[in-house]
Amino acid sequence: MVIKAVKAQFRLPMKYQKITSYVGFFGVILGIFICVKLSMLLTSWFGVDPNLPLSQLNGSEYSVYQFLGSQLLVLLLSVYAGVVCVASVFSLVMCLLGQFSLREAISYTLFSRFPRTWMNPYSNL
C-alpha cells in the first residue's frame, strides 16, 4: 500500500506533491512525538528504568527485550496515527473549502488515495 501511494504521488503535479509531502512530514513529526510519549508510558509498564544503561538494569532481561521489541510496533503505529491526524485536519479543511468530497477526504486520510482532480493526465509514469 505504501509503495502504491508513493508511485501515485509521483504522478501528481508538483503543487500537489509538495502539499502531500508537507502533510506527510508534519504527520511523521507528530508520530514521533506520540511514540516518545508512549515509550515513556511503556517503560514503567515493562519495569524498565530509562535512566540506566541496559547492563545495569535489575530484573529479567526478558522484560527489557520485550520493551525494545514493542518499540518497533509503537513507532509504526504512532507514525501512522500522526499522519492520519494531520491528513484528517487537512482533508477537513479541503472539504470545507469544497475541494474534496467526503469520500475523497476519507480515502486521502486513511489510504493516501488522491482525488481524481489532483491526478496529472499528461504524466507517463
PDB file of N, CA and C in Angstrom:
ATOM      1  N   MET A   1       0.827  -1.183   0.000  1.00  0.00           N
ATOM      2  CA  MET A   1       0.000   0.000   0.000  1.00  0.00           C
ATOM      3  C   MET A   1       0.871   1.245   0.000  1.00  0.00           C
ATOM      4  N   VAL A   2       1.962   1.242   0.738  1.00  0.00           N
ATOM      5  CA  VAL A   2       2.842   2.403   0.809  1.00  0.00           C
ATOM      6  C   VAL A   2       3.520   2.633  -0.534  1.00  0.00           C
ATOM      7  N   ILE A   3       3.972   1.563  -1.172  1.00  0.00           N
ATOM      8  CA  ILE A   3       4.640   1.685  -2.470  1.00  0.00           C
ATOM      9  C   ILE A   3       3.677   2.227  -3.514  1.00  0.00           C
ATOM     10  N   LYS A   4       2.457   1.763  -3.478  1.00  0.00           N
ATOM     11  CA  LYS A   4       1.438   2.238  -4.411  1.00  0.00           C
ATOM     12  C   LYS A   4       1.161   3.725  -4.200  1.00  0.00           C
ATOM     13  N   ALA A   5       1.113   4.165  -2.952  1.00  0.00           N
ATOM     14  CA  ALA A   5       0.876   5.581  -2.650  1.00  0.00           C
ATOM     15  C   ALA A   5       2.044   6.447  -3.109  1.00  0.00           C
ATOM     16  N   VAL A   6       3.265   5.952  -2.949  1.00  0.00           N
ATOM     17  CA  VAL A   6       4.435   6.717  -3.379  1.00  0.00           C
ATOM     18  C   VAL A   6       4.450   6.839  -4.898  1.00  0.00           C
ATOM     19  N   LYS A   7       4.139   5.762  -5.603  1.00  0.00           N
ATOM     20  CA  LYS A   7       4.077   5.820  -7.067  1.00  0.00           C
ATOM     21  C   LYS A   7       2.992   6.782  -7.527  1.00  0.00           C
ATOM     22  N   ALA A   8       1.860   6.771  -6.850  1.00  0.00           N
ATOM     23  CA  ALA A   8       0.778   7.687  -7.222  1.00  0.00           C
ATOM     24  C   ALA A   8       1.171   9.127  -6.944  1.00  0.00           C
ATOM     25  N   GLN A   9       1.957   9.358  -5.910  1.00  0.00           N
ATOM     26  CA  GLN A   9       2.369  10.721  -5.596  1.00  0.00           C
ATOM     27  C   GLN A   9       3.242  11.295  -6.705  1.00  0.00           C
ATOM     28  N   PHE A  10       4.075  10.479  -7.329  1.00  0.00           N
ATOM     29  CA  PHE A  10       4.944  10.974  -8.391  1.00  0.00           C
ATOM     30  C   PHE A  10       4.166  11.313  -9.659  1.00  0.00           C
ATOM     31  N   ARG A  11       2.945  10.833  -9.786  1.00  0.00           N
ATOM     32  CA  ARG A  11       2.107  11.183 -10.937  1.00  0.00           C
ATOM     33  C   ARG A  11       1.357  12.494 -10.714  1.00  0.00           C
ATOM     34  N   LEU A  12       1.435  13.039  -9.525  1.00  0.00           N
ATOM     35  CA  LEU A  12       0.754  14.294  -9.220  1.00  0.00           C
ATOM     36  C   LEU A  12       1.526  15.481  -9.782  1.00  0.00           C
ATOM     37  N   PRO A  13       0.823  16.565 -10.090  1.00  0.00           N
ATOM     38  CA  PRO A  13       1.545  17.807 -10.408  1.00  0.00           C
ATOM     39  C   PRO A  13       2.363  18.264  -9.203  1.00  0.00           C
ATOM     40  N   MET A  14       3.400  19.046  -9.465  1.00  0.00           N
ATOM     41  CA  MET A  14       4.346  19.439  -8.414  1.00  0.00           C
ATOM     42  C   MET A  14       3.660  20.124  -7.242  1.00  0.00           C
ATOM     43  N   LYS A  15       2.653  20.935  -7.508  1.00  0.00           N
ATOM     44  CA  LYS A  15       1.944  21.638  -6.432  1.00  0.00           C
ATOM     45  C   LYS A  15       1.352  20.653  -5.429  1.00  0.00           C
ATOM     46  N   TYR A  16       0.745  19.586  -5.922  1.00  0.00           N
ATOM     47  CA  TYR A  16       0.115  18.598  -5.043  1.00  0.00           C
ATOM     48  C   TYR A  16       1.135  17.661  -4.411  1.00  0.00           C
ATOM     49  N   GLN A  17       2.259  17.455  -5.107  1.00  0.00           N
ATOM     50  CA  GLN A  17       3.335  16.664  -4.491  1.00  0.00           C
ATOM     51  C   GLN A  17       3.875  17.379  -3.258  1.00  0.00           C
ATOM     52  N   LYS A  18       4.024  18.690  -3.354  1.00  0.00           N
ATOM     53  CA  LYS A  18       4.535  19.455  -2.215  1.00  0.00           C
ATOM     54  C   LYS A  18       3.545  19.431  -1.056  1.00  0.00           C
ATOM     55  N   ILE A  19       2.265  19.592  -1.365  1.00  0.00           N
ATOM     56  CA  ILE A  19       1.250  19.559  -0.309  1.00  0.00           C
ATOM     57  C   ILE A  19       1.269  18.217   0.403  1.00  0.00           C
ATOM     58  N   THR A  20       1.311  17.141  -0.368  1.00  0.00           N
ATOM     59  CA  THR A  20       1.327  15.804   0.212  1.00  0.00           C
ATOM     60  C   THR A  20       2.597  15.562   1.017  1.00  0.00           C
ATOM     61  N   SER A  21       3.715  16.096   0.546  1.00  0.00           N
ATOM     62  CA  SER A  21       4.972  15.956   1.293  1.00  0.00           C
ATOM     63  C   SER A  21       4.912  16.687   2.625  1.00  0.00           C
ATOM     64  N   TYR A  22       4.321  17.879   2.636  1.00  0.00           N
ATOM     65  CA  TYR A  22       4.190  18.618   3.891  1.00  0.00           C
ATOM     66  C   TYR A  22       3.261  17.896   4.872  1.00  0.00           C
ATOM     67  N   VAL A  23       2.171  17.377   4.355  1.00  0.00           N
ATOM     68  CA  VAL A  23       1.249  16.622   5.223  1.00  0.00           C
ATOM     69  C   VAL A  23       1.973  15.414   5.823  1.00  0.00           C
ATOM     70  N   GLY A  24       2.716  14.696   4.996  1.00  0.00           N
ATOM     71  CA  GLY A  24       3.468  13.539   5.487  1.00  0.00           C
ATOM     72  C   GLY A  24       4.548  13.919   6.481  1.00  0.00           C
ATOM     73  N   PHE A  25       5.276  15.004   6.202  1.00  0.00           N
ATOM     74  CA  PHE A  25       6.347  15.444   7.095  1.00  0.00           C
ATOM     75  C   PHE A  25       5.803  15.790   8.472  1.00  0.00           C
ATOM     76  N   PHE A  26       4.761  16.626   8.511  1.00  0.00           N
ATOM     77  CA  PHE A  26       4.207  17.016   9.805  1.00  0.00           C
ATOM     78  C   PHE A  26       3.545  15.837  10.509  1.00  0.00           C
ATOM     79  N   GLY A  27       3.011  14.897   9.736  1.00  0.00           N
ATOM     80  CA  GLY A  27       2.444  13.693  10.330  1.00  0.00           C
ATOM     81  C   GLY A  27       3.497  12.820  10.977  1.00  0.00           C
ATOM     82  N   VAL A  28       4.645  12.691  10.335  1.00  0.00           N
ATOM     83  CA  VAL A  28       5.737  11.892  10.908  1.00  0.00           C
ATOM     84  C   VAL A  28       6.284  12.569  12.165  1.00  0.00           C
ATOM     85  N   ILE A  29       6.417  13.894  12.137  1.00  0.00           N
ATOM     86  CA  ILE A  29       6.884  14.614  13.329  1.00  0.00           C
ATOM     87  C   ILE A  29       5.912  14.384  14.491  1.00  0.00           C
ATOM     88  N   LEU A  30       4.613  14.512  14.215  1.00  0.00           N
ATOM     89  CA  LEU A  30       3.613  14.248  15.260  1.00  0.00           C
ATOM     90  C   LEU A  30       3.687  12.794  15.717  1.00  0.00           C
ATOM     91  N   GLY A  31       3.889  11.863  14.792  1.00  0.00           N
ATOM     92  CA  GLY A  31       4.000  10.451  15.140  1.00  0.00           C
ATOM     93  C   GLY A  31       5.198  10.160  16.022  1.00  0.00           C
ATOM     94  N   ILE A  32       6.316  10.806  15.767  1.00  0.00           N
ATOM     95  CA  ILE A  32       7.495  10.609  16.608  1.00  0.00           C
ATOM     96  C   ILE A  32       7.243  11.158  18.008  1.00  0.00           C
ATOM     97  N   PHE A  33       6.577  12.301  18.088  1.00  0.00           N
ATOM     98  CA  PHE A  33       6.221  12.854  19.397  1.00  0.00           C
ATOM     99  C   PHE A  33       5.320  11.877  20.157  1.00  0.00           C
ATOM    100  N   ILE A  34       4.322  11.317  19.484  1.00  0.00           N
ATOM    101  CA  ILE A  34       3.429  10.329  20.102  1.00  0.00           C
ATOM    102  C   ILE A  34       4.225   9.102  20.545  1.00  0.00           C
ATOM    103  N   CYS A  35       5.159   8.669  19.706  1.00  0.00           N
ATOM    104  CA  CYS A  35       5.978   7.493  20.024  1.00  0.00           C
ATOM    105  C   CYS A  35       6.810   7.718  21.284  1.00  0.00           C
ATOM    106  N   VAL A  36       7.400   8.899  21.416  1.00  0.00           N
ATOM    107  CA  VAL A  36       8.207   9.193  22.607  1.00  0.00           C
ATOM    108  C   VAL A  36       7.329   9.170  23.856  1.00  0.00           C
ATOM    109  N   LYS A  37       6.154   9.774  23.772  1.00  0.00           N
ATOM    110  CA  LYS A  37       5.255   9.789  24.925  1.00  0.00           C
ATOM    111  C   LYS A  37       4.800   8.377  25.292  1.00  0.00           C
ATOM    112  N   LEU A  38       4.451   7.578  24.288  1.00  0.00           N
ATOM    113  CA  LEU A  38       4.045   6.195  24.571  1.00  0.00           C
ATOM    114  C   LEU A  38       5.199   5.367  25.120  1.00  0.00           C
ATOM    115  N   SER A  39       6.400   5.616  24.641  1.00  0.00           N
ATOM    116  CA  SER A  39       7.564   4.883  25.131  1.00  0.00           C
ATOM    117  C   SER A  39       7.806   5.167  26.608  1.00  0.00           C
ATOM    118  N   MET A  40       7.603   6.408  27.010  1.00  0.00           N
ATOM    119  CA  MET A  40       7.770   6.751  28.426  1.00  0.00           C
ATOM    120  C   MET A  40       6.718   6.045  29.286  1.00  0.00           C
ATOM    121  N   LEU A  41       5.516   5.914  28.758  1.00  0.00           N
ATOM    122  CA  LEU A  41       4.486   5.170  29.495  1.00  0.00           C
ATOM    123  C   LEU A  41       4.818   3.682  29.574  1.00  0.00           C
ATOM    124  N   LEU A  42       5.368   3.137  28.487  1.00  0.00           N
ATOM    125  CA  LEU A  42       5.673   1.705  28.455  1.00  0.00           C
ATOM    126  C   LEU A  42       6.871   1.330  29.312  1.00  0.00           C
ATOM    127  N   THR A  43       7.753   2.268  29.592  1.00  0.00           N
ATOM    128  CA  THR A  43       8.911   1.922  30.424  1.00  0.00           C
ATOM    129  C   THR A  43       8.479   1.488  31.815  1.00  0.00           C
ATOM    130  N   SER A  44       7.520   2.188  32.383  1.00  0.00           N
ATOM    131  CA  SER A  44       7.053   1.790  33.711  1.00  0.00           C
ATOM    132  C   SER A  44       6.250   0.499  33.650  1.00  0.00           C
ATOM    133  N   TRP A  45       5.524   0.288  32.552  1.00  0.00           N
ATOM    134  CA  TRP A  45       4.726  -0.929  32.425  1.00  0.00           C
ATOM    135  C   TRP A  45       5.602  -2.172  32.323  1.00  0.00           C
ATOM    136  N   PHE A  46       6.737  -2.034  31.608  1.00  0.00           N
ATOM    137  CA  PHE A  46       7.670  -3.151  31.481  1.00  0.00           C
ATOM    138  C   PHE A  46       8.694  -3.183  32.614  1.00  0.00           C
ATOM    139  N   GLY A  47       8.705  -2.173  33.466  1.00  0.00           N
ATOM    140  CA  GLY A  47       9.641  -2.132  34.578  1.00  0.00           C
ATOM    141  C   GLY A  47      11.051  -1.765  34.158  1.00  0.00           C
ATOM    142  N   VAL A  48      11.186  -0.954  33.149  1.00  0.00           N
ATOM    143  CA  VAL A  48      12.496  -0.551  32.640  1.00  0.00           C
ATOM    144  C   VAL A  48      12.757   0.883  33.081  1.00  0.00           C
ATOM    145  N   ASP A  49      13.942   1.104  33.697  1.00  0.00           N
ATOM    146  CA  ASP A  49      14.329   2.457  34.099  1.00  0.00           C
ATOM    147  C   ASP A  49      15.073   3.111  32.936  1.00  0.00           C
ATOM    148  N   PRO A  50      14.515   4.181  32.346  1.00  0.00           N
ATOM    149  CA  PRO A  50      15.153   4.791  31.180  1.00  0.00           C
ATOM    150  C   PRO A  50      16.442   5.541  31.508  1.00  0.00           C
ATOM    151  N   ASN A  51      16.733   5.744  32.774  1.00  0.00           N
ATOM    152  CA  ASN A  51      17.934   6.479  33.155  1.00  0.00           C
ATOM    153  C   ASN A  51      19.147   5.576  33.363  1.00  0.00           C
ATOM    154  N   LEU A  52      18.966   4.278  33.279  1.00  0.00           N
ATOM    155  CA  LEU A  52      20.071   3.336  33.469  1.00  0.00           C
ATOM    156  C   LEU A  52      20.445   2.686  32.145  1.00  0.00           C
ATOM    157  N   PRO A  53      21.744   2.379  31.969  1.00  0.00           N
ATOM    158  CA  PRO A  53      22.128   1.616  30.783  1.00  0.00           C
ATOM    159  C   PRO A  53      21.624   0.175  30.890  1.00  0.00           C
ATOM    160  N   LEU A  54      21.527  -0.496  29.762  1.00  0.00           N
ATOM    161  CA  LEU A  54      20.985  -1.855  29.746  1.00  0.00           C
ATOM    162  C   LEU A  54      21.756  -2.807  30.648  1.00  0.00           C
ATOM    163  N   SER A  55      23.060  -2.624  30.773  1.00  0.00           N
ATOM    164  CA  SER A  55      23.864  -3.544  31.589  1.00  0.00           C
ATOM    165  C   SER A  55      23.565  -3.418  33.081  1.00  0.00           C
ATOM    166  N   GLN A  56      22.976  -2.316  33.521  1.00  0.00           N
ATOM    167  CA  GLN A  56      22.729  -2.107  34.945  1.00  0.00           C
ATOM    168  C   GLN A  56      21.271  -2.274  35.342  1.00  0.00           C
ATOM    169  N   LEU A  57      20.428  -2.661  34.417  1.00  0.00           N
ATOM    170  CA  LEU A  57      19.010  -2.817  34.750  1.00  0.00           C
ATOM    171  C   LEU A  57      18.781  -4.036  35.618  1.00  0.00           C
ATOM    172  N   ASN A  58      18.002  -3.882  36.668  1.00  0.00           N
ATOM    173  CA  ASN A  58      17.622  -5.002  37.511  1.00  0.00           C
ATOM    174  C   ASN A  58      16.391  -5.673  36.916  1.00  0.00           C
ATOM    175  N   GLY A  59      16.216  -6.921  37.244  1.00  0.00           N
ATOM    176  CA  GLY A  59      15.059  -7.649  36.720  1.00  0.00           C
ATOM    177  C   GLY A  59      15.482  -8.538  35.579  1.00  0.00           C
ATOM    178  N   SER A  60      14.502  -9.118  34.974  1.00  0.00           N
ATOM    179  CA  SER A  60      14.805 -10.073  33.907  1.00  0.00           C
ATOM    180  C   SER A  60      15.145  -9.351  32.616  1.00  0.00           C
ATOM    181  N   GLU A  61      16.042  -9.951  31.876  1.00  0.00           N
ATOM    182  CA  GLU A  61      16.383  -9.415  30.566  1.00  0.00           C
ATOM    183  C   GLU A  61      15.210  -9.570  29.607  1.00  0.00           C
ATOM    184  N   TYR A  62      14.347 -10.507  29.911  1.00  0.00           N
ATOM    185  CA  TYR A  62      13.198 -10.767  29.048  1.00  0.00           C
ATOM    186  C   TYR A  62      12.295  -9.545  28.943  1.00  0.00           C
ATOM    187  N   SER A  63      12.080  -8.860  30.059  1.00  0.00           N
ATOM    188  CA  SER A  63      11.218  -7.666  30.019  1.00  0.00           C
ATOM    189  C   SER A  63      11.882  -6.537  29.238  1.00  0.00           C
ATOM    190  N   VAL A  64      13.201  -6.438  29.312  1.00  0.00           N
ATOM    191  CA  VAL A  64      13.913  -5.415  28.544  1.00  0.00           C
ATOM    192  C   VAL A  64      13.785  -5.713  27.055  1.00  0.00           C
ATOM    193  N   TYR A  65      13.934  -6.981  26.682  1.00  0.00           N
ATOM    194  CA  TYR A  65      13.798  -7.353  25.271  1.00  0.00           C
ATOM    195  C   TYR A  65      12.365  -7.186  24.783  1.00  0.00           C
ATOM    196  N   GLN A  66      11.413  -7.448  25.648  1.00  0.00           N
ATOM    197  CA  GLN A  66      10.013  -7.196  25.282  1.00  0.00           C
ATOM    198  C   GLN A  66       9.788  -5.708  25.036  1.00  0.00           C
ATOM    199  N   PHE A  67      10.336  -4.895  25.904  1.00  0.00           N
ATOM    200  CA  PHE A  67      10.191  -3.444  25.749  1.00  0.00           C
ATOM    201  C   PHE A  67      10.809  -2.983  24.438  1.00  0.00           C
ATOM    202  N   LEU A  68      12.023  -3.419  24.167  1.00  0.00           N
ATOM    203  CA  LEU A  68      12.696  -2.999  22.935  1.00  0.00           C
ATOM    204  C   LEU A  68      11.960  -3.513  21.699  1.00  0.00           C
ATOM    205  N   GLY A  69      11.450  -4.724  21.769  1.00  0.00           N
ATOM    206  CA  GLY A  69      10.680  -5.264  20.652  1.00  0.00           C
ATOM    207  C   GLY A  69       9.374  -4.528  20.427  1.00  0.00           C
ATOM    208  N   SER A  70       8.762  -4.114  21.517  1.00  0.00           N
ATOM    209  CA  SER A  70       7.498  -3.391  21.387  1.00  0.00           C
ATOM    210  C   SER A  70       7.689  -2.008  20.781  1.00  0.00           C
ATOM    211  N   GLN A  71       8.894  -1.472  20.873  1.00  0.00           N
ATOM    212  CA  GLN A  71       9.143  -0.131  20.353  1.00  0.00           C
ATOM    213  C   GLN A  71       8.985  -0.046  18.837  1.00  0.00           C
ATOM    214  N   LEU A  72       9.290  -1.114  18.126  1.00  0.00           N
ATOM    215  CA  LEU A  72       9.094  -1.119  16.678  1.00  0.00           C
ATOM    216  C   LEU A  72       7.615  -0.993  16.333  1.00  0.00           C
ATOM    217  N   LEU A  73       6.806  -1.754  17.023  1.00  0.00           N
ATOM    218  CA  LEU A  73       5.361  -1.682  16.806  1.00  0.00           C
ATOM    219  C   LEU A  73       4.811  -0.314  17.211  1.00  0.00           C
ATOM    220  N   VAL A  74       5.289   0.209  18.329  1.00  0.00           N
ATOM    221  CA  VAL A  74       4.846   1.529  18.794  1.00  0.00           C
ATOM    222  C   VAL A  74       5.239   2.602  17.782  1.00  0.00           C
ATOM    223  N   LEU A  75       6.443   2.520  17.241  1.00  0.00           N
ATOM    224  CA  LEU A  75       6.892   3.506  16.263  1.00  0.00           C
ATOM    225  C   LEU A  75       6.025   3.468  15.006  1.00  0.00           C
ATOM    226  N   LEU A  76       5.775   2.284  14.480  1.00  0.00           N
ATOM    227  CA  LEU A  76       4.966   2.166  13.260  1.00  0.00           C
ATOM    228  C   LEU A  76       3.543   2.680  13.472  1.00  0.00           C
ATOM    229  N   LEU A  77       2.932   2.273  14.555  1.00  0.00           N
ATOM    230  CA  LEU A  77       1.558   2.709  14.819  1.00  0.00           C
ATOM    231  C   LEU A  77       1.486   4.196  15.130  1.00  0.00           C
ATOM    232  N   SER A  78       2.482   4.720  15.816  1.00  0.00           N
ATOM    233  CA  SER A  78       2.486   6.143  16.150  1.00  0.00           C
ATOM    234  C   SER A  78       2.657   7.005  14.907  1.00  0.00           C
ATOM    235  N   VAL A  79       3.547   6.606  14.018  1.00  0.00           N
ATOM    236  CA  VAL A  79       3.746   7.379  12.787  1.00  0.00           C
ATOM    237  C   VAL A  79       2.480   7.340  11.938  1.00  0.00           C
ATOM    238  N   TYR A  80       1.855   6.167  11.825  1.00  0.00           N
ATOM    239  CA  TYR A  80       0.603   6.084  11.060  1.00  0.00           C
ATOM    240  C   TYR A  80      -0.468   6.965  11.706  1.00  0.00           C
ATOM    241  N   ALA A  81      -0.576   6.927  13.024  1.00  0.00           N
ATOM    242  CA  ALA A  81      -1.570   7.753  13.718  1.00  0.00           C
ATOM    243  C   ALA A  81      -1.284   9.238  13.530  1.00  0.00           C
ATOM    244  N   GLY A  82      -0.026   9.624  13.564  1.00  0.00           N
ATOM    245  CA  GLY A  82       0.331  11.018  13.351  1.00  0.00           C
ATOM    246  C   GLY A  82      -0.018  11.495  11.952  1.00  0.00           C
ATOM    247  N   VAL A  83       0.294  10.662  10.961  1.00  0.00           N
ATOM    248  CA  VAL A  83      -0.019  11.030   9.579  1.00  0.00           C
ATOM    249  C   VAL A  83      -1.530  11.099   9.373  1.00  0.00           C
ATOM    250  N   VAL A  84      -2.266  10.172   9.962  1.00  0.00           N
ATOM    251  CA  VAL A  84      -3.725  10.195   9.839  1.00  0.00           C
ATOM    252  C   VAL A  84      -4.302  11.442  10.505  1.00  0.00           C
ATOM    253  N   CYS A  85      -3.772  11.828  11.651  1.00  0.00           N
ATOM    254  CA  CYS A  85      -4.265  13.043  12.333  1.00  0.00           C
ATOM    255  C   CYS A  85      -4.048  14.288  11.483  1.00  0.00           C
ATOM    256  N   VAL A  86      -2.837  14.448  10.952  1.00  0.00           N
ATOM    257  CA  VAL A  86      -2.544  15.627  10.133  1.00  0.00           C
ATOM    258  C   VAL A  86      -3.343  15.586   8.832  1.00  0.00           C
ATOM    259  N   ALA A  87      -3.421  14.415   8.206  1.00  0.00           N
ATOM    260  CA  ALA A  87      -4.176  14.296   6.958  1.00  0.00           C
ATOM    261  C   ALA A  87      -5.667  14.530   7.184  1.00  0.00           C
ATOM    262  N   SER A  88      -6.185  14.145   8.342  1.00  0.00           N
ATOM    263  CA  SER A  88      -7.609  14.369   8.601  1.00  0.00           C
ATOM    264  C   SER A  88      -7.910  15.853   8.770  1.00  0.00           C
ATOM    265  N   VAL A  89      -7.009  16.587   9.413  1.00  0.00           N
ATOM    266  CA  VAL A  89      -7.198  18.034   9.540  1.00  0.00           C
ATOM    267  C   VAL A  89      -7.138  18.686   8.153  1.00  0.00           C
ATOM    268  N   PHE A  90      -6.162  18.280   7.354  1.00  0.00           N
ATOM    269  CA  PHE A  90      -6.045  18.816   6.000  1.00  0.00           C
ATOM    270  C   PHE A  90      -7.281  18.478   5.168  1.00  0.00           C
ATOM    271  N   SER A  91      -7.743  17.247   5.258  1.00  0.00           N
ATOM    272  CA  SER A  91      -8.922  16.830   4.492  1.00  0.00           C
ATOM    273  C   SER A  91     -10.172  17.570   4.938  1.00  0.00           C
ATOM    274  N   LEU A  92     -10.288  17.808   6.228  1.00  0.00           N
ATOM    275  CA  LEU A  92     -11.438  18.560   6.735  1.00  0.00           C
ATOM    276  C   LEU A  92     -11.450  19.975   6.172  1.00  0.00           C
ATOM    277  N   VAL A  93     -10.278  20.602   6.151  1.00  0.00           N
ATOM    278  CA  VAL A  93     -10.184  21.945   5.580  1.00  0.00           C
ATOM    279  C   VAL A  93     -10.539  21.915   4.098  1.00  0.00           C
ATOM    280  N   MET A  94     -10.034  20.917   3.379  1.00  0.00           N
ATOM    281  CA  MET A  94     -10.337  20.812   1.951  1.00  0.00           C
ATOM    282  C   MET A  94     -11.821  20.545   1.709  1.00  0.00           C
ATOM    283  N   CYS A  95     -12.450  19.791   2.593  1.00  0.00           N
ATOM    284  CA  CYS A  95     -13.902  19.565   2.491  1.00  0.00           C
ATOM    285  C   CYS A  95     -14.666  20.862   2.714  1.00  0.00           C
ATOM    286  N   LEU A  96     -14.253  21.611   3.711  1.00  0.00           N
ATOM    287  CA  LEU A  96     -14.927  22.880   3.997  1.00  0.00           C
ATOM    288  C   LEU A  96     -14.749  23.883   2.863  1.00  0.00           C
ATOM    289  N   LEU A  97     -13.631  23.800   2.158  1.00  0.00           N
ATOM    290  CA  LEU A  97     -13.394  24.676   1.012  1.00  0.00           C
ATOM    291  C   LEU A  97     -14.062  24.176  -0.261  1.00  0.00           C
ATOM    292  N   GLY A  98     -14.609  22.960  -0.215  1.00  0.00           N
ATOM    293  CA  GLY A  98     -15.280  22.391  -1.383  1.00  0.00           C
ATOM    294  C   GLY A  98     -14.340  21.732  -2.382  1.00  0.00           C
ATOM    295  N   GLN A  99     -13.102  21.487  -1.995  1.00  0.00           N
ATOM    296  CA  GLN A  99     -12.133  20.865  -2.889  1.00  0.00           C
ATOM    297  C   GLN A  99     -12.206  19.335  -2.869  1.00  0.00           C
ATOM    298  N   PHE A 100     -12.597  18.765  -1.732  1.00  0.00           N
ATOM    299  CA  PHE A 100     -12.731  17.316  -1.577  1.00  0.00           C
ATOM    300  C   PHE A 100     -14.180  16.992  -1.273  1.00  0.00           C
ATOM    301  N   SER A 101     -14.629  15.854  -1.769  1.00  0.00           N
ATOM    302  CA  SER A 101     -15.896  15.311  -1.281  1.00  0.00           C
ATOM    303  C   SER A 101     -15.591  14.534  -0.003  1.00  0.00           C
ATOM    304  N   LEU A 102     -16.612  14.134   0.705  1.00  0.00           N
ATOM    305  CA  LEU A 102     -16.394  13.379   1.944  1.00  0.00           C
ATOM    306  C   LEU A 102     -15.700  12.053   1.657  1.00  0.00           C
ATOM    307  N   ARG A 103     -16.083  11.398   0.591  1.00  0.00           N
ATOM    308  CA  ARG A 103     -15.466  10.115   0.216  1.00  0.00           C
ATOM    309  C   ARG A 103     -13.981  10.306  -0.124  1.00  0.00           C
ATOM    310  N   GLU A 104     -13.671  11.370  -0.871  1.00  0.00           N
ATOM    311  CA  GLU A 104     -12.278  11.641  -1.221  1.00  0.00           C
ATOM    312  C   GLU A 104     -11.455  11.981   0.026  1.00  0.00           C
ATOM    313  N   ALA A 105     -12.057  12.698   0.947  1.00  0.00           N
ATOM    314  CA  ALA A 105     -11.352  13.062   2.180  1.00  0.00           C
ATOM    315  C   ALA A 105     -11.025  11.819   3.007  1.00  0.00           C
ATOM    316  N   ILE A 106     -11.966  10.913   3.111  1.00  0.00           N
ATOM    317  CA  ILE A 106     -11.721   9.678   3.865  1.00  0.00           C
ATOM    318  C   ILE A 106     -10.661   8.831   3.175  1.00  0.00           C
ATOM    319  N   SER A 107     -10.730   8.727   1.853  1.00  0.00           N
ATOM    320  CA  SER A 107      -9.730   7.951   1.111  1.00  0.00           C
ATOM    321  C   SER A 107      -8.344   8.563   1.238  1.00  0.00           C
ATOM    322  N   TYR A 108      -8.271   9.885   1.196  1.00  0.00           N
ATOM    323  CA  TYR A 108      -6.976  10.557   1.330  1.00  0.00           C
ATOM    324  C   TYR A 108      -6.431  10.362   2.742  1.00  0.00           C
ATOM    325  N   THR A 109      -7.288  10.497   3.731  1.00  0.00           N
ATOM    326  CA  THR A 109      -6.845  10.417   5.123  1.00  0.00           C
ATOM    327  C   THR A 109      -6.366   9.027   5.498  1.00  0.00           C
ATOM    328  N   LEU A 110      -7.141   8.021   5.199  1.00  0.00           N
ATOM    329  CA  LEU A 110      -6.825   6.670   5.678  1.00  0.00           C
ATOM    330  C   LEU A 110      -5.959   5.852   4.725  1.00  0.00           C
ATOM    331  N   PHE A 111      -6.108   6.076   3.423  1.00  0.00           N
ATOM    332  CA  PHE A 111      -5.457   5.183   2.454  1.00  0.00           C
ATOM    333  C   PHE A 111      -4.514   5.895   1.498  1.00  0.00           C
ATOM    334  N   SER A 112      -4.308   7.200   1.653  1.00  0.00           N
ATOM    335  CA  SER A 112      -3.434   8.000   0.782  1.00  0.00           C
ATOM    336  C   SER A 112      -3.839   7.899  -0.683  1.00  0.00           C
ATOM    337  N   ARG A 113      -5.117   7.853  -0.936  1.00  0.00           N
ATOM    338  CA  ARG A 113      -5.614   7.877  -2.313  1.00  0.00           C
ATOM    339  C   ARG A 113      -5.967   9.312  -2.654  1.00  0.00           C
ATOM    340  N   PHE A 114      -5.408   9.788  -3.743  1.00  0.00           N
ATOM    341  CA  PHE A 114      -5.571  11.184  -4.112  1.00  0.00           C
ATOM    342  C   PHE A 114      -6.858  11.384  -4.910  1.00  0.00           C
ATOM    343  N   PRO A 115      -7.462  12.566  -4.790  1.00  0.00           N
ATOM    344  CA  PRO A 115      -8.661  12.860  -5.586  1.00  0.00           C
ATOM    345  C   PRO A 115      -8.336  12.868  -7.075  1.00  0.00           C
ATOM    346  N   ARG A 116      -9.307  12.538  -7.880  1.00  0.00           N
ATOM    347  CA  ARG A 116      -9.089  12.492  -9.332  1.00  0.00           C
ATOM    348  C   ARG A 116      -8.717  13.864  -9.891  1.00  0.00           C
ATOM    349  N   THR A 117      -9.211  14.915  -9.275  1.00  0.00           N
ATOM    350  CA  THR A 117      -8.882  16.257  -9.761  1.00  0.00           C
ATOM    351  C   THR A 117      -7.410  16.593  -9.574  1.00  0.00           C
ATOM    352  N   TRP A 118      -6.717  15.875  -8.709  1.00  0.00           N
ATOM    353  CA  TRP A 118      -5.297  16.117  -8.486  1.00  0.00           C
ATOM    354  C   TRP A 118      -4.411  15.383  -9.480  1.00  0.00           C
ATOM    355  N   MET A 119      -4.913  14.314 -10.061  1.00  0.00           N
ATOM    356  CA  MET A 119      -4.070  13.468 -10.910  1.00  0.00           C
ATOM    357  C   MET A 119      -3.690  14.203 -12.199  1.00  0.00           C
ATOM    358  N   ASN A 120      -2.472  14.026 -12.630  1.00  0.00           N
ATOM    359  CA  ASN A 120      -1.964  14.663 -13.835  1.00  0.00           C
ATOM    360  C   ASN A 120      -2.253  13.761 -15.029  1.00  0.00           C
ATOM    361  N   PRO A 121      -3.126  14.165 -15.931  1.00  0.00           N
ATOM    362  CA  PRO A 121      -3.461  13.293 -17.051  1.00  0.00           C
ATOM    363  C   PRO A 121      -2.352  13.193 -18.087  1.00  0.00           C
ATOM    364  N   TYR A 122      -1.349  14.061 -18.058  1.00  0.00           N
ATOM    365  CA  TYR A 122      -0.302  14.073 -19.069  1.00  0.00           C
ATOM    366  C   TYR A 122       0.952  13.324 -18.660  1.00  0.00           C
ATOM    367  N   SER A 123       0.955  12.751 -17.464  1.00  0.00           N
ATOM    368  CA  SER A 123       2.132  12.055 -16.965  1.00  0.00           C
ATOM    369  C   SER A 123       2.173  10.633 -17.512  1.00  0.00           C
ATOM    370  N   ASN A 124       3.351  10.159 -17.880  1.00  0.00           N
ATOM    371  CA  ASN A 124       3.519   8.800 -18.377  1.00  0.00           C
ATOM    372  C   ASN A 124       4.099   7.871 -17.331  1.00  0.00           C
ATOM    373  N   LEU A 125       4.248   8.327 -16.101  1.00  0.00           N
ATOM    374  CA  LEU A 125       4.834   7.487 -15.053  1.00  0.00           C
ATOM    375  C   LEU A 125       3.879   6.452 -14.569  1.00  0.00           C
TER     376      LEU A 125
END
